Amino acid sequence: MNPDRRLSILMAAGLYLLPMSAALADGIRAMPRSVPSAYTEECGSCHLAYAPGLLPAASWQRLMGGLDRHYGTDAAVDATTAQSIVGWLQAHAASGRRAADTSPDDRITRSAWFTRKHRKVDPAVWPLARVKSAANCAACHPRAEQGRFSDDELRTPAGLSDQQRRAWHD
């Protein structure tokens, strides 16, 4: 096979695989296909049922072990439910570099990767009525429930000033 033909084939293969590599990179945080109904019902009743890949297994263990004082709220569930949820969370938890990149208080919004990705967001945006807090991922990420946080799918929240809106699209 001549070198030009070989190069053309390699380039075509690269272009074919590029979208797959982006999907795999985002897939680390993606919500697994089989989500226990207890997780969606219990955790999702107060906040987004976060994809387990957003925190490492040790963080999920600590969070589930302290549901009676879950960030100032009693979110306790019965032992059987808690055991099934924590087992699922740990099985699908972050690993590798993302696992080492978490916050000391197990808050997704204080992890190094979260703060790095949101460093340009004006702090005045978080308390807007449409956003409420940094933990409300769905305010800006329409596919947050699926664990998808693509920059290409960002939704501009209502209530931004002209300056914030310009920075948002920067």
Protein backbone atom coordinates (compact mmCIF):
# COMPACT_ATOMS: atom_id res chain seq x y z
CA MET A 1 0.00 0.00 0.00
CA ASN A 2 1.41 3.38 -0.89
CA PRO A 3 2.22 5.84 1.94
CA ASP A 4 -0.38 8.41 0.82
CA ARG A 5 -3.15 5.80 0.90
CA ARG A 6 -2.00 4.62 4.37
CA LEU A 7 -2.04 8.22 5.67
CA SER A 8 -5.55 8.75 4.28
CA ILE A 9 -6.81 5.62 6.02
CA LEU A 10 -5.20 6.62 9.35
CA MET A 11 -6.67 10.13 9.15
CA ALA A 12 -10.14 8.78 8.36
CA ALA A 13 -9.90 6.36 11.31
CA GLY A 14 -8.81 9.20 13.59
CA LEU A 15 -11.75 11.36 12.55
CA TYR A 16 -14.08 8.42 13.12
CA LEU A 17 -12.71 7.73 16.61
CA LEU A 18 -12.50 11.36 17.78
CA PRO A 19 -16.18 11.65 18.83
CA MET A 20 -15.89 8.30 20.62
CA SER A 21 -12.92 9.49 22.68
CA ALA A 22 -14.84 12.62 23.72
CA ALA A 23 -17.80 10.48 24.74
CA LEU A 24 -15.56 8.21 26.77
CA ALA A 25 -13.95 11.17 28.52
CA ASP A 26 -17.35 12.52 29.55
CA GLY A 27 -18.59 8.98 30.26
CA ILE A 28 -16.48 8.82 33.40
CA ARG A 29 -19.07 11.08 35.02
CA ALA A 30 -22.05 9.71 33.12
CA MET A 31 -24.92 8.15 35.00
CA PRO A 32 -24.75 4.36 34.68
CA ARG A 33 -27.56 2.76 32.71
CA SER A 34 -29.04 0.88 35.68
CA VAL A 35 -29.86 3.27 38.50
CA PRO A 36 -31.52 1.82 41.59
CA SER A 37 -34.97 3.31 42.09
CA ALA A 38 -34.09 3.86 45.77
CA TYR A 39 -31.27 6.19 44.72
CA THR A 40 -33.48 8.21 42.41
CA GLU A 41 -36.35 8.33 44.91
CA GLU A 42 -34.37 9.01 48.08
CA CYS A 43 -31.47 11.16 46.88
CA GLY A 44 -33.25 12.70 43.92
CA SER A 45 -36.17 13.88 46.05
CA CYS A 46 -34.09 16.74 47.52
CA HIS A 47 -31.42 17.39 44.91
CA LEU A 48 -30.04 16.08 41.66
CA ALA A 49 -29.30 12.38 41.97
CA TYR A 50 -25.65 12.95 41.10
CA ALA A 51 -23.78 10.52 38.88
CA PRO A 52 -21.62 8.33 41.15
CA GLY A 53 -18.52 9.06 39.04
CA LEU A 54 -18.46 12.59 40.45
CA LEU A 55 -16.99 11.37 43.77
CA PRO A 56 -14.68 8.53 44.81
CA ALA A 57 -15.94 5.50 46.74
CA ALA A 58 -14.58 6.76 50.08
CA SER A 59 -16.57 9.99 49.73
CA TRP A 60 -19.79 8.10 48.99
CA GLN A 61 -19.14 5.87 52.00
CA ARG A 62 -18.74 8.90 54.29
CA LEU A 63 -21.79 10.67 52.83
CA MET A 64 -24.00 7.62 53.16
CA GLY A 65 -22.67 6.96 56.66
CA GLY A 66 -23.72 10.43 57.79
CA LEU A 67 -27.18 10.80 56.26
CA ASP A 68 -28.61 11.78 59.63
CA ARG A 69 -26.55 14.99 59.32
CA HIS A 70 -26.37 15.35 55.54
CA TYR A 71 -25.18 18.94 55.11
CA GLY A 72 -27.45 20.13 57.90
CA THR A 73 -30.43 17.92 57.03
CA ASP A 74 -31.58 14.55 58.33
CA ALA A 75 -31.70 12.46 55.16
CA ALA A 76 -31.52 9.09 56.92
CA VAL A 77 -32.97 6.02 55.22
CA ASP A 78 -33.42 2.51 56.53
CA ALA A 79 -30.30 0.32 56.71
CA THR A 80 -31.27 -1.95 53.81
CA THR A 81 -31.90 0.99 51.48
CA ALA A 82 -28.68 2.70 52.57
CA GLN A 83 -26.67 -0.48 52.00
CA SER A 84 -28.04 -0.98 48.48
CA ILE A 85 -27.44 2.66 47.54
CA VAL A 86 -23.91 2.84 48.95
CA GLY A 87 -22.97 -0.43 47.24
CA TRP A 88 -24.15 0.91 43.89
CA LEU A 89 -22.45 4.30 44.41
CA GLN A 90 -19.15 2.66 45.29
CA ALA A 91 -19.33 0.27 42.34
CA HIS A 92 -19.65 3.24 39.97
CA ALA A 93 -17.55 5.80 41.86
CA ALA A 94 -14.75 7.92 40.45
CA SER A 95 -11.38 6.29 40.22
CA GLY A 96 -7.88 7.24 39.17
CA ARG A 97 -7.05 10.92 38.93
CA ARG A 98 -10.65 12.05 39.45
CA ALA A 99 -10.81 10.12 42.74
CA ALA A 100 -7.75 11.97 44.02
CA ASP A 101 -9.21 15.28 42.86
CA THR A 102 -12.07 15.51 45.39
CA SER A 103 -12.64 17.98 48.20
CA PRO A 104 -11.84 17.19 51.83
CA ASP A 105 -15.48 17.69 52.86
CA ASP A 106 -16.85 15.46 50.07
CA ARG A 107 -18.61 18.31 48.28
CA ILE A 108 -18.67 17.95 44.51
CA THR A 109 -18.75 21.74 44.20
CA ARG A 110 -15.49 22.11 46.11
CA SER A 111 -13.51 19.51 44.22
CA ALA A 112 -10.50 20.72 42.25
CA TRP A 113 -11.98 19.72 38.89
CA PHE A 114 -15.30 21.50 39.63
CA THR A 115 -13.61 24.73 40.69
CA ARG A 116 -11.31 24.55 37.66
CA LYS A 117 -14.24 24.08 35.26
CA HIS A 118 -16.26 26.89 36.88
CA ARG A 119 -13.46 29.37 37.63
CA LYS A 120 -14.87 31.97 35.21
CA VAL A 121 -18.38 31.89 36.67
CA ASP A 122 -19.04 35.11 38.53
CA PRO A 123 -19.84 34.22 42.20
CA ALA A 124 -22.95 36.41 41.91
CA VAL A 125 -24.41 33.85 39.46
CA TRP A 126 -24.78 31.06 42.05
CA PRO A 127 -27.49 32.74 44.18
CA LEU A 128 -29.63 33.81 41.18
CA ALA A 129 -33.23 32.60 41.49
CA ARG A 130 -32.81 30.32 38.45
CA VAL A 131 -29.56 28.79 39.77
CA LYS A 132 -29.85 28.86 43.60
CA SER A 133 -26.42 27.28 44.24
CA ALA A 134 -23.39 25.73 42.60
CA ALA A 135 -24.88 22.32 43.45
CA ASN A 136 -27.81 22.90 41.08
CA CYS A 137 -26.05 21.52 38.00
CA ALA A 138 -29.28 21.29 36.00
CA ALA A 139 -29.65 25.10 36.03
CA CYS A 140 -26.97 25.29 33.34
CA HIS A 141 -26.42 21.69 32.25
CA PRO A 142 -29.68 20.35 30.74
CA ARG A 143 -28.37 16.74 30.74
CA ALA A 144 -26.99 16.81 34.29
CA GLU A 145 -29.37 14.02 35.34
CA GLN A 146 -27.58 11.76 32.87
CA GLY A 147 -24.22 12.91 34.19
CA ARG A 148 -23.53 14.88 31.00
CA PHE A 149 -21.86 18.25 31.45
CA SER A 150 -20.70 19.15 27.97
CA ASP A 151 -19.67 22.76 27.42
CA ASP A 152 -21.41 22.50 24.05
CA GLU A 153 -24.80 22.04 25.74
CA LEU A 154 -24.62 24.83 28.33
CA ARG A 155 -27.81 26.77 28.98
CA THR A 156 -27.48 30.40 30.02
CA PRO A 157 -29.47 30.91 33.23
CA ALA A 158 -31.99 33.74 33.39
CA GLY A 159 -31.04 36.81 35.38
CA LEU A 160 -27.48 37.33 34.17
CA SER A 161 -26.29 40.92 33.81
CA ASP A 162 -24.91 42.02 30.44
CA GLN A 163 -21.36 41.65 31.78
CA GLN A 164 -22.07 38.14 33.13
CA ARG A 165 -23.72 37.15 29.85
CA ARG A 166 -20.65 38.27 27.87
CA ALA A 167 -18.36 36.34 30.23
CA TRP A 168 -20.65 33.31 29.95
CA HIS A 169 -20.05 33.05 26.22
CA ASP A 170 -16.32 33.75 26.57
